[in-house]
Amino acid sequence: MNHEKWLQETISMAIENVNNGGGPFAAIVVQNGKVIGKGTNLVHLNNDPSSHAELLAIKEACQALASTDLSDCVLYASGEPCPMCLGVAYSTTVGQIYYACSKTDAYNETSFGIPVSPFYSDQNKAPEQRTVPFIHFETEDALAPFHKWKQKQ
């Protein structure tokens, strides 16, 4: 695969997205040399914090394949995926991820004004010590939905 070609495509998409009022990120999913999913950052245009380029590209790719298994695909992103996008990429078992701009460069507050996500450091802390505390509250039927799901499989 020509990784530079695909990354250049994401960079061009990101620049066009900024020109159209979107954020400076774009992503594509490629399978066997063919683009099966594209996305650009539409967070501010849609007032939707989940409208990240990678999520939209992965969603389109999964719909194109009628599957959530992207293990034989490559995700190309103009910027290093954030924890949310990385979580979705992992859940689809995407084969590889290539990115053009590192999170260190993209999130340098003095250069671009994009704040560093607290989740990068928070994810290594114990759940109850995170910026937004995670509190496990045990209930008697917490596993009931999972048992029901397993029965339907």
N, C-alpha and C. Protein backbone atom coordinates (compact mmCIF):
# COMPACT_ATOMS: atom_id res chain seq x y z
N MET A 1 0.83 -1.19 0.00
CA MET A 1 0.00 0.00 0.00
C MET A 1 0.87 1.24 0.00
N ASN A 2 0.35 2.27 -0.60
CA ASN A 2 1.06 3.53 -0.64
C ASN A 2 0.56 4.41 0.52
N HIS A 3 1.18 4.25 1.66
CA HIS A 3 0.73 4.94 2.87
C HIS A 3 0.79 6.46 2.72
N GLU A 4 1.83 6.96 2.07
CA GLU A 4 1.96 8.40 1.91
C GLU A 4 0.81 8.96 1.07
N LYS A 5 0.42 8.24 0.03
CA LYS A 5 -0.70 8.67 -0.81
C LYS A 5 -1.98 8.81 0.01
N TRP A 6 -2.27 7.80 0.83
CA TRP A 6 -3.50 7.84 1.62
C TRP A 6 -3.44 8.93 2.68
N LEU A 7 -2.27 9.12 3.31
CA LEU A 7 -2.15 10.18 4.31
C LEU A 7 -2.28 11.56 3.65
N GLN A 8 -1.72 11.72 2.45
CA GLN A 8 -1.87 12.98 1.73
C GLN A 8 -3.34 13.26 1.43
N GLU A 9 -4.10 12.19 1.13
CA GLU A 9 -5.53 12.37 0.88
C GLU A 9 -6.23 12.88 2.13
N THR A 10 -5.86 12.33 3.31
CA THR A 10 -6.50 12.80 4.55
C THR A 10 -6.12 14.25 4.84
N ILE A 11 -4.90 14.62 4.55
CA ILE A 11 -4.46 16.01 4.79
C ILE A 11 -5.23 16.95 3.87
N SER A 12 -5.38 16.58 2.61
CA SER A 12 -6.16 17.41 1.66
C SER A 12 -7.61 17.54 2.12
N MET A 13 -8.18 16.43 2.57
CA MET A 13 -9.56 16.45 3.07
C MET A 13 -9.68 17.36 4.29
N ALA A 14 -8.69 17.31 5.18
CA ALA A 14 -8.71 18.13 6.39
C ALA A 14 -8.63 19.62 6.05
N ILE A 15 -7.79 19.95 5.10
CA ILE A 15 -7.66 21.36 4.67
C ILE A 15 -8.98 21.84 4.07
N GLU A 16 -9.58 21.03 3.20
CA GLU A 16 -10.86 21.38 2.61
C GLU A 16 -11.94 21.52 3.68
N ASN A 17 -11.88 20.64 4.69
CA ASN A 17 -12.86 20.71 5.78
C ASN A 17 -12.73 22.01 6.56
N VAL A 18 -11.51 22.45 6.82
CA VAL A 18 -11.29 23.73 7.51
C VAL A 18 -11.85 24.86 6.65
N ASN A 19 -11.61 24.80 5.34
CA ASN A 19 -12.14 25.83 4.44
C ASN A 19 -13.67 25.89 4.48
N ASN A 20 -14.30 24.76 4.80
CA ASN A 20 -15.76 24.68 4.86
C ASN A 20 -16.31 24.88 6.27
N GLY A 21 -15.44 25.25 7.22
CA GLY A 21 -15.89 25.55 8.57
C GLY A 21 -15.74 24.41 9.57
N GLY A 22 -15.20 23.27 9.12
CA GLY A 22 -15.01 22.13 10.01
C GLY A 22 -13.66 22.16 10.70
N GLY A 23 -13.40 21.10 11.47
CA GLY A 23 -12.14 21.00 12.21
C GLY A 23 -11.00 20.49 11.33
N PRO A 24 -9.76 20.56 11.81
CA PRO A 24 -8.58 20.23 11.01
C PRO A 24 -8.21 18.74 10.99
N PHE A 25 -9.22 17.88 10.95
CA PHE A 25 -8.95 16.45 10.95
C PHE A 25 -9.78 15.74 9.87
N ALA A 26 -9.18 14.69 9.29
CA ALA A 26 -9.87 13.85 8.31
C ALA A 26 -9.33 12.44 8.42
N ALA A 27 -10.13 11.48 7.97
CA ALA A 27 -9.71 10.07 8.04
C ALA A 27 -10.37 9.28 6.91
N ILE A 28 -9.70 8.20 6.52
CA ILE A 28 -10.26 7.27 5.55
C ILE A 28 -9.98 5.85 6.02
N VAL A 29 -10.82 4.92 5.61
CA VAL A 29 -10.59 3.50 5.85
C VAL A 29 -10.39 2.87 4.48
N VAL A 30 -9.30 2.11 4.35
CA VAL A 30 -8.94 1.49 3.08
C VAL A 30 -8.92 -0.02 3.25
N GLN A 31 -9.54 -0.70 2.30
CA GLN A 31 -9.53 -2.16 2.25
C GLN A 31 -9.09 -2.58 0.86
N ASN A 32 -8.03 -3.36 0.79
CA ASN A 32 -7.52 -3.86 -0.49
C ASN A 32 -7.31 -2.74 -1.52
N GLY A 33 -6.75 -1.63 -1.08
CA GLY A 33 -6.45 -0.53 -1.98
C GLY A 33 -7.63 0.33 -2.37
N LYS A 34 -8.79 0.14 -1.75
CA LYS A 34 -9.99 0.91 -2.07
C LYS A 34 -10.51 1.61 -0.82
N VAL A 35 -10.87 2.88 -0.96
CA VAL A 35 -11.44 3.63 0.15
C VAL A 35 -12.88 3.17 0.35
N ILE A 36 -13.17 2.70 1.57
CA ILE A 36 -14.54 2.25 1.88
C ILE A 36 -15.21 3.12 2.95
N GLY A 37 -14.48 4.08 3.48
CA GLY A 37 -15.04 4.99 4.46
C GLY A 37 -14.25 6.27 4.53
N LYS A 38 -14.94 7.40 4.62
CA LYS A 38 -14.31 8.72 4.73
C LYS A 38 -15.00 9.51 5.82
N GLY A 39 -14.25 10.39 6.44
CA GLY A 39 -14.84 11.28 7.42
C GLY A 39 -13.98 12.49 7.67
N THR A 40 -14.63 13.59 8.01
CA THR A 40 -13.92 14.80 8.43
C THR A 40 -14.51 15.25 9.76
N ASN A 41 -13.78 16.05 10.48
CA ASN A 41 -14.22 16.50 11.79
C ASN A 41 -15.33 17.53 11.64
N LEU A 42 -16.53 17.16 12.09
CA LEU A 42 -17.71 18.02 11.99
C LEU A 42 -18.24 18.43 13.36
N VAL A 43 -17.41 18.32 14.37
CA VAL A 43 -17.82 18.58 15.75
C VAL A 43 -18.52 19.93 15.88
N HIS A 44 -17.88 20.99 15.41
CA HIS A 44 -18.45 22.33 15.59
C HIS A 44 -19.57 22.62 14.60
N LEU A 45 -19.50 22.04 13.43
CA LEU A 45 -20.58 22.26 12.44
C LEU A 45 -21.86 21.58 12.88
N ASN A 46 -21.75 20.39 13.49
CA ASN A 46 -22.93 19.62 13.91
C ASN A 46 -23.28 19.80 15.39
N ASN A 47 -22.43 20.53 16.12
CA ASN A 47 -22.59 20.62 17.58
C ASN A 47 -22.71 19.22 18.17
N ASP A 48 -21.84 18.34 17.70
CA ASP A 48 -21.87 16.93 18.09
C ASP A 48 -20.43 16.50 18.42
N PRO A 49 -20.12 16.32 19.71
CA PRO A 49 -18.76 15.97 20.09
C PRO A 49 -18.30 14.60 19.59
N SER A 50 -19.23 13.81 19.06
CA SER A 50 -18.82 12.50 18.52
C SER A 50 -18.57 12.54 17.02
N SER A 51 -18.68 13.69 16.40
CA SER A 51 -18.48 13.81 14.95
C SER A 51 -17.00 13.94 14.59
N HIS A 52 -16.20 13.04 15.11
CA HIS A 52 -14.77 13.02 14.78
C HIS A 52 -14.57 12.31 13.44
N ALA A 53 -13.55 12.71 12.73
CA ALA A 53 -13.27 12.16 11.40
C ALA A 53 -13.15 10.64 11.42
N GLU A 54 -12.39 10.12 12.37
CA GLU A 54 -12.17 8.67 12.43
C GLU A 54 -13.47 7.92 12.67
N LEU A 55 -14.30 8.44 13.58
CA LEU A 55 -15.57 7.77 13.88
C LEU A 55 -16.46 7.74 12.66
N LEU A 56 -16.52 8.84 11.93
CA LEU A 56 -17.37 8.89 10.75
C LEU A 56 -16.84 7.98 9.64
N ALA A 57 -15.52 7.92 9.47
CA ALA A 57 -14.94 7.04 8.46
C ALA A 57 -15.16 5.57 8.82
N ILE A 58 -14.99 5.23 10.09
CA ILE A 58 -15.21 3.85 10.54
C ILE A 58 -16.68 3.46 10.39
N LYS A 59 -17.57 4.37 10.75
CA LYS A 59 -18.99 4.10 10.61
C LYS A 59 -19.36 3.82 9.16
N GLU A 60 -18.87 4.64 8.24
CA GLU A 60 -19.16 4.46 6.82
C GLU A 60 -18.57 3.14 6.31
N ALA A 61 -17.37 2.80 6.77
CA ALA A 61 -16.74 1.55 6.34
C ALA A 61 -17.52 0.34 6.85
N CYS A 62 -17.94 0.39 8.10
CA CYS A 62 -18.73 -0.72 8.65
C CYS A 62 -20.05 -0.88 7.91
N GLN A 63 -20.67 0.23 7.57
CA GLN A 63 -21.93 0.15 6.81
C GLN A 63 -21.68 -0.41 5.41
N ALA A 64 -20.57 -0.02 4.79
CA ALA A 64 -20.25 -0.52 3.45
C ALA A 64 -20.02 -2.03 3.46
N LEU A 65 -19.43 -2.52 4.54
CA LEU A 65 -19.13 -3.96 4.66
C LEU A 65 -20.25 -4.74 5.33
N ALA A 66 -21.23 -4.04 5.89
CA ALA A 66 -22.29 -4.67 6.68
C ALA A 66 -21.67 -5.54 7.78
N SER A 67 -20.65 -4.98 8.43
CA SER A 67 -19.91 -5.70 9.46
C SER A 67 -19.19 -4.69 10.35
N THR A 68 -18.92 -5.10 11.58
CA THR A 68 -18.11 -4.27 12.46
C THR A 68 -16.68 -4.80 12.55
N ASP A 69 -16.33 -5.71 11.68
CA ASP A 69 -14.98 -6.28 11.64
C ASP A 69 -14.17 -5.60 10.54
N LEU A 70 -13.24 -4.75 10.94
CA LEU A 70 -12.37 -4.06 9.99
C LEU A 70 -10.94 -4.58 10.09
N SER A 71 -10.78 -5.83 10.47
CA SER A 71 -9.45 -6.37 10.70
C SER A 71 -8.58 -6.42 9.45
N ASP A 72 -9.19 -6.43 8.27
CA ASP A 72 -8.40 -6.42 7.05
C ASP A 72 -8.36 -5.03 6.41
N CYS A 73 -8.59 -4.01 7.22
CA CYS A 73 -8.60 -2.63 6.74
C CYS A 73 -7.52 -1.81 7.43
N VAL A 74 -7.21 -0.67 6.82
CA VAL A 74 -6.26 0.28 7.39
C VAL A 74 -6.98 1.60 7.59
N LEU A 75 -6.81 2.18 8.77
CA LEU A 75 -7.34 3.50 9.06
C LEU A 75 -6.22 4.51 8.87
N TYR A 76 -6.45 5.49 8.02
CA TYR A 76 -5.50 6.59 7.81
C TYR A 76 -6.13 7.85 8.37
N ALA A 77 -5.37 8.59 9.16
CA ALA A 77 -5.89 9.80 9.79
C ALA A 77 -4.89 10.94 9.64
N SER A 78 -5.42 12.13 9.43
CA SER A 78 -4.53 13.29 9.31
C SER A 78 -3.87 13.61 10.64
N GLY A 79 -4.53 13.23 11.75
CA GLY A 79 -3.96 13.44 13.08
C GLY A 79 -4.08 12.18 13.91
N GLU A 80 -3.21 12.03 14.88
CA GLU A 80 -3.24 10.85 15.75
C GLU A 80 -4.60 10.75 16.45
N PRO A 81 -5.25 9.61 16.36
CA PRO A 81 -6.60 9.48 16.94
C PRO A 81 -6.63 9.71 18.45
N CYS A 82 -7.71 10.36 18.88
CA CYS A 82 -7.93 10.61 20.30
C CYS A 82 -8.39 9.30 20.97
N PRO A 83 -8.49 9.27 22.28
CA PRO A 83 -8.93 8.05 22.97
C PRO A 83 -10.30 7.55 22.52
N MET A 84 -11.24 8.45 22.24
CA MET A 84 -12.57 8.02 21.79
C MET A 84 -12.46 7.30 20.45
N CYS A 85 -11.75 7.90 19.51
CA CYS A 85 -11.60 7.29 18.19
C CYS A 85 -10.79 6.00 18.27
N LEU A 86 -9.80 5.99 19.11
CA LEU A 86 -8.99 4.79 19.30
C LEU A 86 -9.84 3.66 19.86
N GLY A 87 -10.74 3.99 20.79
CA GLY A 87 -11.63 2.97 21.34
C GLY A 87 -12.49 2.33 20.27
N VAL A 88 -13.03 3.14 19.38
CA VAL A 88 -13.86 2.61 18.29
C VAL A 88 -13.00 1.80 17.32
N ALA A 89 -11.81 2.27 17.03
CA ALA A 89 -10.91 1.53 16.14
C ALA A 89 -10.59 0.16 16.73
N TYR A 90 -10.33 0.12 18.03
CA TYR A 90 -10.06 -1.16 18.68
C TYR A 90 -11.28 -2.07 18.67
N SER A 91 -12.47 -1.49 18.84
CA SER A 91 -13.67 -2.32 18.89
C SER A 91 -13.99 -2.92 17.52
N THR A 92 -13.48 -2.32 16.46
CA THR A 92 -13.68 -2.88 15.11
C THR A 92 -12.48 -3.74 14.70
N THR A 93 -11.53 -3.88 15.58
CA THR A 93 -10.27 -4.61 15.32
C THR A 93 -9.62 -4.19 14.01
N VAL A 94 -9.63 -2.86 13.76
CA VAL A 94 -9.00 -2.34 12.55
C VAL A 94 -7.57 -2.87 12.48
N GLY A 95 -7.14 -3.23 11.26
CA GLY A 95 -5.85 -3.88 11.07
C GLY A 95 -4.64 -3.04 11.44
N GLN A 96 -4.61 -1.80 10.96
CA GLN A 96 -3.50 -0.89 11.23
C GLN A 96 -4.03 0.54 11.24
N ILE A 97 -3.28 1.41 11.90
CA ILE A 97 -3.61 2.84 11.92
C ILE A 97 -2.35 3.61 11.55
N TYR A 98 -2.46 4.45 10.52
CA TYR A 98 -1.39 5.36 10.13
C TYR A 98 -1.91 6.78 10.33
N TYR A 99 -1.06 7.67 10.83
CA TYR A 99 -1.47 9.05 11.03
C TYR A 99 -0.34 9.97 10.63
N ALA A 100 -0.70 11.19 10.21
CA ALA A 100 0.29 12.15 9.72
C ALA A 100 0.83 13.04 10.82
N CYS A 101 -0.03 13.60 11.65
CA CYS A 101 0.37 14.57 12.68
C CYS A 101 0.21 13.93 14.05
N SER A 102 1.25 14.01 14.87
CA SER A 102 1.18 13.41 16.20
C SER A 102 0.30 14.24 17.11
N LYS A 103 -0.22 13.61 18.17
CA LYS A 103 -1.04 14.34 19.13
C LYS A 103 -0.24 15.43 19.82
N THR A 104 1.04 15.19 20.02
CA THR A 104 1.90 16.19 20.66
C THR A 104 1.95 17.46 19.82
N ASP A 105 2.10 17.29 18.51
CA ASP A 105 2.14 18.46 17.62
C ASP A 105 0.77 19.12 17.50
N ALA A 106 -0.28 18.31 17.32
CA ALA A 106 -1.62 18.86 17.10
C ALA A 106 -2.19 19.54 18.33
N TYR A 107 -1.84 19.05 19.51
CA TYR A 107 -2.44 19.57 20.74
C TYR A 107 -1.53 20.53 21.48
N ASN A 108 -0.51 21.04 20.82
CA ASN A 108 0.37 22.01 21.44
C ASN A 108 -0.41 23.31 21.59
N GLU A 109 -0.81 23.61 22.80
CA GLU A 109 -1.71 24.75 23.06
C GLU A 109 -1.16 26.08 22.55
N THR A 110 0.15 26.27 22.59
CA THR A 110 0.70 27.56 22.17
C THR A 110 0.72 27.71 20.66
N SER A 111 0.71 26.61 19.93
CA SER A 111 0.76 26.69 18.48
C SER A 111 -0.61 26.81 17.83
N PHE A 112 -1.57 25.99 18.24
CA PHE A 112 -2.84 25.91 17.53
C PHE A 112 -4.07 26.20 18.37
N GLY A 113 -3.92 26.27 19.67
CA GLY A 113 -5.07 26.58 20.51
C GLY A 113 -6.03 25.42 20.70
N ILE A 114 -5.63 24.21 20.34
CA ILE A 114 -6.46 23.03 20.57
C ILE A 114 -6.03 22.45 21.91
N PRO A 115 -6.93 22.46 22.91
CA PRO A 115 -6.52 22.00 24.25
C PRO A 115 -6.21 20.51 24.29
N VAL A 116 -5.26 20.17 25.11
CA VAL A 116 -4.90 18.78 25.30
C VAL A 116 -6.03 18.06 26.03
N SER A 117 -6.43 16.94 25.50
CA SER A 117 -7.49 16.17 26.14
C SER A 117 -6.99 15.60 27.45
N PRO A 118 -7.75 15.79 28.55
CA PRO A 118 -7.31 15.21 29.82
C PRO A 118 -7.34 13.70 29.81
N PHE A 119 -8.02 13.10 28.83
CA PHE A 119 -8.16 11.66 28.80
C PHE A 119 -6.85 10.94 28.52
N TYR A 120 -5.91 11.62 27.87
CA TYR A 120 -4.63 10.97 27.60
C TYR A 120 -3.94 10.56 28.91
N SER A 121 -3.94 11.47 29.89
CA SER A 121 -3.32 11.13 31.17
C SER A 121 -4.32 10.46 32.11
N ASP A 122 -5.59 10.81 32.00
CA ASP A 122 -6.61 10.25 32.89
C ASP A 122 -6.76 8.74 32.73
N GLN A 123 -6.62 8.23 31.52
CA GLN A 123 -6.87 6.81 31.30
C GLN A 123 -5.91 5.91 32.05
N ASN A 124 -4.79 6.45 32.50
CA ASN A 124 -3.84 5.65 33.26
C ASN A 124 -4.09 5.70 34.77
N LYS A 125 -5.03 6.52 35.19
CA LYS A 125 -5.35 6.64 36.61
C LYS A 125 -6.40 5.62 37.01
N ALA A 126 -6.48 5.34 38.29
CA ALA A 126 -7.55 4.49 38.81
C ALA A 126 -8.88 5.17 38.51
N PRO A 127 -9.93 4.42 38.21
CA PRO A 127 -11.21 5.03 37.83
C PRO A 127 -11.70 6.13 38.77
N GLU A 128 -11.57 5.93 40.06
CA GLU A 128 -12.09 6.91 41.02
C GLU A 128 -11.20 8.15 41.14
N GLN A 129 -10.01 8.14 40.53
CA GLN A 129 -9.09 9.27 40.62
C GLN A 129 -9.04 10.10 39.34
N ARG A 130 -9.90 9.79 38.37
CA ARG A 130 -9.90 10.52 37.10
C ARG A 130 -10.56 11.88 37.26
N THR A 131 -10.34 12.74 36.28
CA THR A 131 -10.93 14.08 36.29
C THR A 131 -12.44 13.99 36.46
N VAL A 132 -13.06 13.08 35.72
CA VAL A 132 -14.47 12.76 35.92
C VAL A 132 -14.47 11.38 36.58
N PRO A 133 -14.75 11.31 37.88
CA PRO A 133 -14.65 10.03 38.58
C PRO A 133 -15.58 8.96 37.99
N PHE A 134 -15.08 7.78 37.88
CA PHE A 134 -15.86 6.61 37.47
C PHE A 134 -16.19 5.86 38.75
N ILE A 135 -17.45 5.65 39.01
CA ILE A 135 -17.86 5.01 40.26
C ILE A 135 -18.61 3.74 39.93
N HIS A 136 -18.06 2.61 40.32
CA HIS A 136 -18.70 1.32 40.09
C HIS A 136 -19.71 1.10 41.21
N PHE A 137 -20.97 1.00 40.85
CA PHE A 137 -22.03 0.78 41.82
C PHE A 137 -22.68 -0.55 41.48
N GLU A 138 -22.44 -1.54 42.31
CA GLU A 138 -22.95 -2.88 42.02
C GLU A 138 -24.45 -2.98 42.26
N THR A 139 -25.11 -3.59 41.29
CA THR A 139 -26.53 -3.87 41.40
C THR A 139 -26.74 -5.35 41.13
N GLU A 140 -27.84 -5.86 41.64
CA GLU A 140 -28.12 -7.29 41.54
C GLU A 140 -28.24 -7.77 40.09
N ASP A 141 -28.84 -6.97 39.23
CA ASP A 141 -29.10 -7.40 37.85
C ASP A 141 -28.19 -6.75 36.81
N ALA A 142 -27.02 -6.32 37.21
CA ALA A 142 -26.11 -5.62 36.29
C ALA A 142 -25.75 -6.45 35.06
N LEU A 143 -25.68 -7.76 35.21
CA LEU A 143 -25.30 -8.62 34.09
C LEU A 143 -26.49 -9.13 33.28
N ALA A 144 -27.71 -8.77 33.68
CA ALA A 144 -28.91 -9.27 33.00
C ALA A 144 -28.92 -8.94 31.50
N PRO A 145 -28.56 -7.73 31.08
CA PRO A 145 -28.57 -7.46 29.64
C PRO A 145 -27.57 -8.34 28.87
N PHE A 146 -26.44 -8.66 29.49
CA PHE A 146 -25.44 -9.49 28.84
C PHE A 146 -25.89 -10.95 28.72
N HIS A 147 -26.57 -11.43 29.76
CA HIS A 147 -27.13 -12.78 29.69
C HIS A 147 -28.18 -12.87 28.60
N LYS A 148 -29.03 -11.86 28.50
CA LYS A 148 -30.07 -11.82 27.47
C LYS A 148 -29.44 -11.79 26.08
N TRP A 149 -28.40 -10.99 25.93
CA TRP A 149 -27.69 -10.87 24.64
C TRP A 149 -27.07 -12.21 24.26
N LYS A 150 -26.45 -12.88 25.23
CA LYS A 150 -25.82 -14.17 24.97
C LYS A 150 -26.86 -15.20 24.53
N GLN A 151 -28.04 -15.19 25.14
CA GLN A 151 -29.11 -16.10 24.77
C GLN A 151 -29.55 -15.89 23.32
N LYS A 152 -29.50 -14.65 22.86
CA LYS A 152 -29.94 -14.34 21.51
C LYS A 152 -28.89 -14.65 20.45
N GLN A 153 -27.69 -14.93 20.87
CA GLN A 153 -26.61 -15.20 19.90
C GLN A 153 -26.74 -16.56 19.28
